[in-house]
Structures are given as structure tokens and as C-alpha cells.
Amino acid sequence: MKIFLISDNIDTQIGMRLAGIEGVVVHEREDFKRALQDAAADAETGIILITVKLSQLAPEYVAEIKLNRRLPLIVEIPDRHGMGKSDDFITKYVREAIGLKI
């Protein structure tokens, strides 16, 4: 299994590349969706790392893969600007995913 990165900035890609993780840099919604689709279609990819800013370009597409597929695991990572999410994003995610308010 391999890890693949989809990033919106070159700094994150370079850092991951130094750790041996391949990836691409995209900036537009359609490019992001295409890169995510290609990475998810690769049977060797077990984990896809996505910067938070990119995941916000197409949240419905990311959620569809997270909720309906066992693999690959999609992990949102902060970029050099931080997470950019509200403090209760985990609670909101659980509420949206399973319909429970915790």
C-alpha cells in the first residue's frame, strides 16, 4: 500500500516528497476532483492525504469517497497556514456522517 498526496501548495508536496510520498499540486476544483478520482482508482493507494483547503473545494466529493469506500483512507492535513476549520469540526463531521448529536 502506498500513500499519495494531493496538495494546493508546493511546500507541502516537497516536504512529503522528502518523506518518500508521491503527490500532485492542484488549484482548481475540477483538477482536484480528477486527481482524487485517479488516486482512489489506483488499487495500490491505501491512504490519500489532502490539504484542508483543497478538501473544501469539493466537500461532497470527498465525503462520498470517505463514507462509501473502505479504501483508500482519506486524511485531511493542514498546510502551512493551519487547519482553517472551526473548533467543532469533528463533532459536525460525526453528526453529518451518522446523524447523532454528541
C-alpha atoms as a PDB file:
ATOM      1  CA  MET A   1       0.000   0.000   0.000  1.00  0.00           C
ATOM      2  CA  LYS A   2       1.215   3.457  -0.788  1.00  0.00           C
ATOM      3  CA  ILE A   3       0.377   6.974   0.347  1.00  0.00           C
ATOM      4  CA  PHE A   4      -0.499   9.683  -2.156  1.00  0.00           C
ATOM      5  CA  LEU A   5      -0.691  13.453  -1.579  1.00  0.00           C
ATOM      6  CA  ILE A   6      -2.996  15.961  -3.242  1.00  0.00           C
ATOM      7  CA  SER A   7      -1.882  19.443  -2.203  1.00  0.00           C
ATOM      8  CA  ASP A   8      -2.602  23.040  -3.074  1.00  0.00           C
ATOM      9  CA  ASN A   9       0.931  24.244  -2.445  1.00  0.00           C
ATOM     10  CA  ILE A  10       4.378  23.161  -3.496  1.00  0.00           C
ATOM     11  CA  ASP A  11       5.850  23.403   0.028  1.00  0.00           C
ATOM     12  CA  THR A  12       3.666  20.573   1.302  1.00  0.00           C
ATOM     13  CA  GLN A  13       4.452  18.476  -1.740  1.00  0.00           C
ATOM     14  CA  ILE A  14       8.200  18.967  -1.321  1.00  0.00           C
ATOM     15  CA  GLY A  15       8.045  18.041   2.365  1.00  0.00           C
ATOM     16  CA  MET A  16       6.099  14.876   1.652  1.00  0.00           C
ATOM     17  CA  ARG A  17       8.345  14.037  -1.279  1.00  0.00           C
ATOM     18  CA  LEU A  18      11.331  14.150   1.081  1.00  0.00           C
ATOM     19  CA  ALA A  19       9.479  11.541   3.174  1.00  0.00           C
ATOM     20  CA  GLY A  20       9.011   9.355   0.081  1.00  0.00           C
ATOM     21  CA  ILE A  21       5.360  10.240  -0.598  1.00  0.00           C
ATOM     22  CA  GLU A  22       4.404  10.953  -4.193  1.00  0.00           C
ATOM     23  CA  GLY A  23       1.799  13.566  -4.981  1.00  0.00           C
ATOM     24  CA  VAL A  24       0.430  16.339  -7.148  1.00  0.00           C
ATOM     25  CA  VAL A  25      -0.253  20.045  -6.726  1.00  0.00           C
ATOM     26  CA  VAL A  26      -3.631  21.315  -7.968  1.00  0.00           C
ATOM     27  CA  HIS A  27      -5.533  24.551  -7.513  1.00  0.00           C
ATOM     28  CA  GLU A  28      -8.858  24.222  -9.325  1.00  0.00           C
ATOM     29  CA  ARG A  29     -11.943  22.210  -8.315  1.00  0.00           C
ATOM     30  CA  GLU A  30     -12.017  20.082 -11.485  1.00  0.00           C
ATOM     31  CA  ASP A  31      -8.294  19.339 -11.278  1.00  0.00           C
ATOM     32  CA  PHE A  32      -8.744  18.316  -7.641  1.00  0.00           C
ATOM     33  CA  LYS A  33     -11.667  16.016  -8.444  1.00  0.00           C
ATOM     34  CA  ARG A  34      -9.712  14.397 -11.292  1.00  0.00           C
ATOM     35  CA  ALA A  35      -6.617  13.887  -9.112  1.00  0.00           C
ATOM     36  CA  LEU A  36      -8.731  12.409  -6.301  1.00  0.00           C
ATOM     37  CA  GLN A  37     -10.550  10.111  -8.705  1.00  0.00           C
ATOM     38  CA  ASP A  38      -7.268   8.900 -10.217  1.00  0.00           C
ATOM     39  CA  ALA A  39      -5.674   8.317  -6.816  1.00  0.00           C
ATOM     40  CA  ALA A  40      -8.751   6.485  -5.494  1.00  0.00           C
ATOM     41  CA  ALA A  41      -8.840   4.267  -8.601  1.00  0.00           C
ATOM     42  CA  ASP A  42      -5.264   3.077  -8.039  1.00  0.00           C
ATOM     43  CA  ALA A  43      -5.501  -0.257  -6.201  1.00  0.00           C
ATOM     44  CA  GLU A  44      -2.049   0.291  -4.669  1.00  0.00           C
ATOM     45  CA  THR A  45      -3.098   3.520  -2.892  1.00  0.00           C
ATOM     46  CA  GLY A  46      -4.125   2.896   0.704  1.00  0.00           C
ATOM     47  CA  ILE A  47      -4.070   6.471   2.037  1.00  0.00           C
ATOM     48  CA  ILE A  48      -4.723   9.758   0.268  1.00  0.00           C
ATOM     49  CA  LEU A  49      -3.534  12.902   2.033  1.00  0.00           C
ATOM     50  CA  ILE A  50      -5.445  16.054   1.083  1.00  0.00           C
ATOM     51  CA  THR A  51      -4.765  19.575   2.313  1.00  0.00           C
ATOM     52  CA  VAL A  52      -7.739  21.118   4.125  1.00  0.00           C
ATOM     53  CA  LYS A  53      -8.056  23.961   1.643  1.00  0.00           C
ATOM     54  CA  LEU A  54      -8.486  21.510  -1.229  1.00  0.00           C
ATOM     55  CA  SER A  55     -10.994  19.365   0.612  1.00  0.00           C
ATOM     56  CA  GLN A  56     -13.162  22.466   0.958  1.00  0.00           C
ATOM     57  CA  LEU A  57     -13.270  22.856  -2.849  1.00  0.00           C
ATOM     58  CA  ALA A  58     -15.385  19.715  -3.250  1.00  0.00           C
ATOM     59  CA  PRO A  59     -16.528  18.552   0.207  1.00  0.00           C
ATOM     60  CA  GLU A  60     -19.384  16.459  -1.190  1.00  0.00           C
ATOM     61  CA  TYR A  61     -16.984  14.509  -3.387  1.00  0.00           C
ATOM     62  CA  VAL A  62     -14.550  13.877  -0.518  1.00  0.00           C
ATOM     63  CA  ALA A  63     -17.404  12.833   1.796  1.00  0.00           C
ATOM     64  CA  GLU A  64     -18.794  10.436  -0.801  1.00  0.00           C
ATOM     65  CA  ILE A  65     -15.471   8.595  -1.002  1.00  0.00           C
ATOM     66  CA  LYS A  66     -14.964   8.634   2.778  1.00  0.00           C
ATOM     67  CA  LEU A  67     -18.413   7.280   3.540  1.00  0.00           C
ATOM     68  CA  ASN A  68     -18.892   4.774   0.725  1.00  0.00           C
ATOM     69  CA  ARG A  69     -15.490   3.182   0.242  1.00  0.00           C
ATOM     70  CA  ARG A  70     -13.377   1.104   2.557  1.00  0.00           C
ATOM     71  CA  LEU A  71     -10.137   2.072   0.813  1.00  0.00           C
ATOM     72  CA  PRO A  72      -8.393   4.382   0.287  1.00  0.00           C
ATOM     73  CA  LEU A  73      -8.475   6.184   3.598  1.00  0.00           C
ATOM     74  CA  ILE A  74      -8.706   9.935   3.041  1.00  0.00           C
ATOM     75  CA  VAL A  75      -6.903  12.106   5.574  1.00  0.00           C
ATOM     76  CA  GLU A  76      -7.181  15.887   5.585  1.00  0.00           C
ATOM     77  CA  ILE A  77      -3.951  17.551   6.651  1.00  0.00           C
ATOM     78  CA  PRO A  78      -3.182  21.173   7.485  1.00  0.00           C
ATOM     79  CA  ASP A  79      -0.930  23.111   5.184  1.00  0.00           C
ATOM     80  CA  ARG A  80       1.485  25.821   6.257  1.00  0.00           C
ATOM     81  CA  HIS A  81      -1.483  28.107   7.016  1.00  0.00           C
ATOM     82  CA  GLY A  82      -3.050  25.731   9.538  1.00  0.00           C
ATOM     83  CA  MET A  83      -6.318  23.815   9.572  1.00  0.00           C
ATOM     84  CA  GLY A  84      -8.719  26.600   8.679  1.00  0.00           C
ATOM     85  CA  LYS A  85     -11.578  24.724  10.347  1.00  0.00           C
ATOM     86  CA  SER A  86     -13.804  25.635  13.235  1.00  0.00           C
ATOM     87  CA  ASP A  87     -13.179  24.164  16.684  1.00  0.00           C
ATOM     88  CA  ASP A  88     -16.150  21.775  16.440  1.00  0.00           C
ATOM     89  CA  PHE A  89     -15.379  20.287  13.020  1.00  0.00           C
ATOM     90  CA  ILE A  90     -15.078  16.731  14.418  1.00  0.00           C
ATOM     91  CA  THR A  91     -18.466  16.968  16.126  1.00  0.00           C
ATOM     92  CA  LYS A  92     -20.008  18.351  12.942  1.00  0.00           C
ATOM     93  CA  TYR A  93     -18.440  15.580  10.864  1.00  0.00           C
ATOM     94  CA  VAL A  94     -19.828  12.856  13.168  1.00  0.00           C
ATOM     95  CA  ARG A  95     -23.262  14.494  13.137  1.00  0.00           C
ATOM     96  CA  GLU A  96     -23.281  14.606   9.325  1.00  0.00           C
ATOM     97  CA  ALA A  97     -21.922  11.091   8.954  1.00  0.00           C
ATOM     98  CA  ILE A  98     -24.151   9.178  11.342  1.00  0.00           C
ATOM     99  CA  GLY A  99     -26.860  11.629  12.310  1.00  0.00           C
ATOM    100  CA  LEU A 100     -26.060  11.731  16.014  1.00  0.00           C
ATOM    101  CA  LYS A 101     -25.547  14.877  18.009  1.00  0.00           C
ATOM    102  CA  ILE A 102     -22.797  14.390  20.589  1.00  0.00           C
END
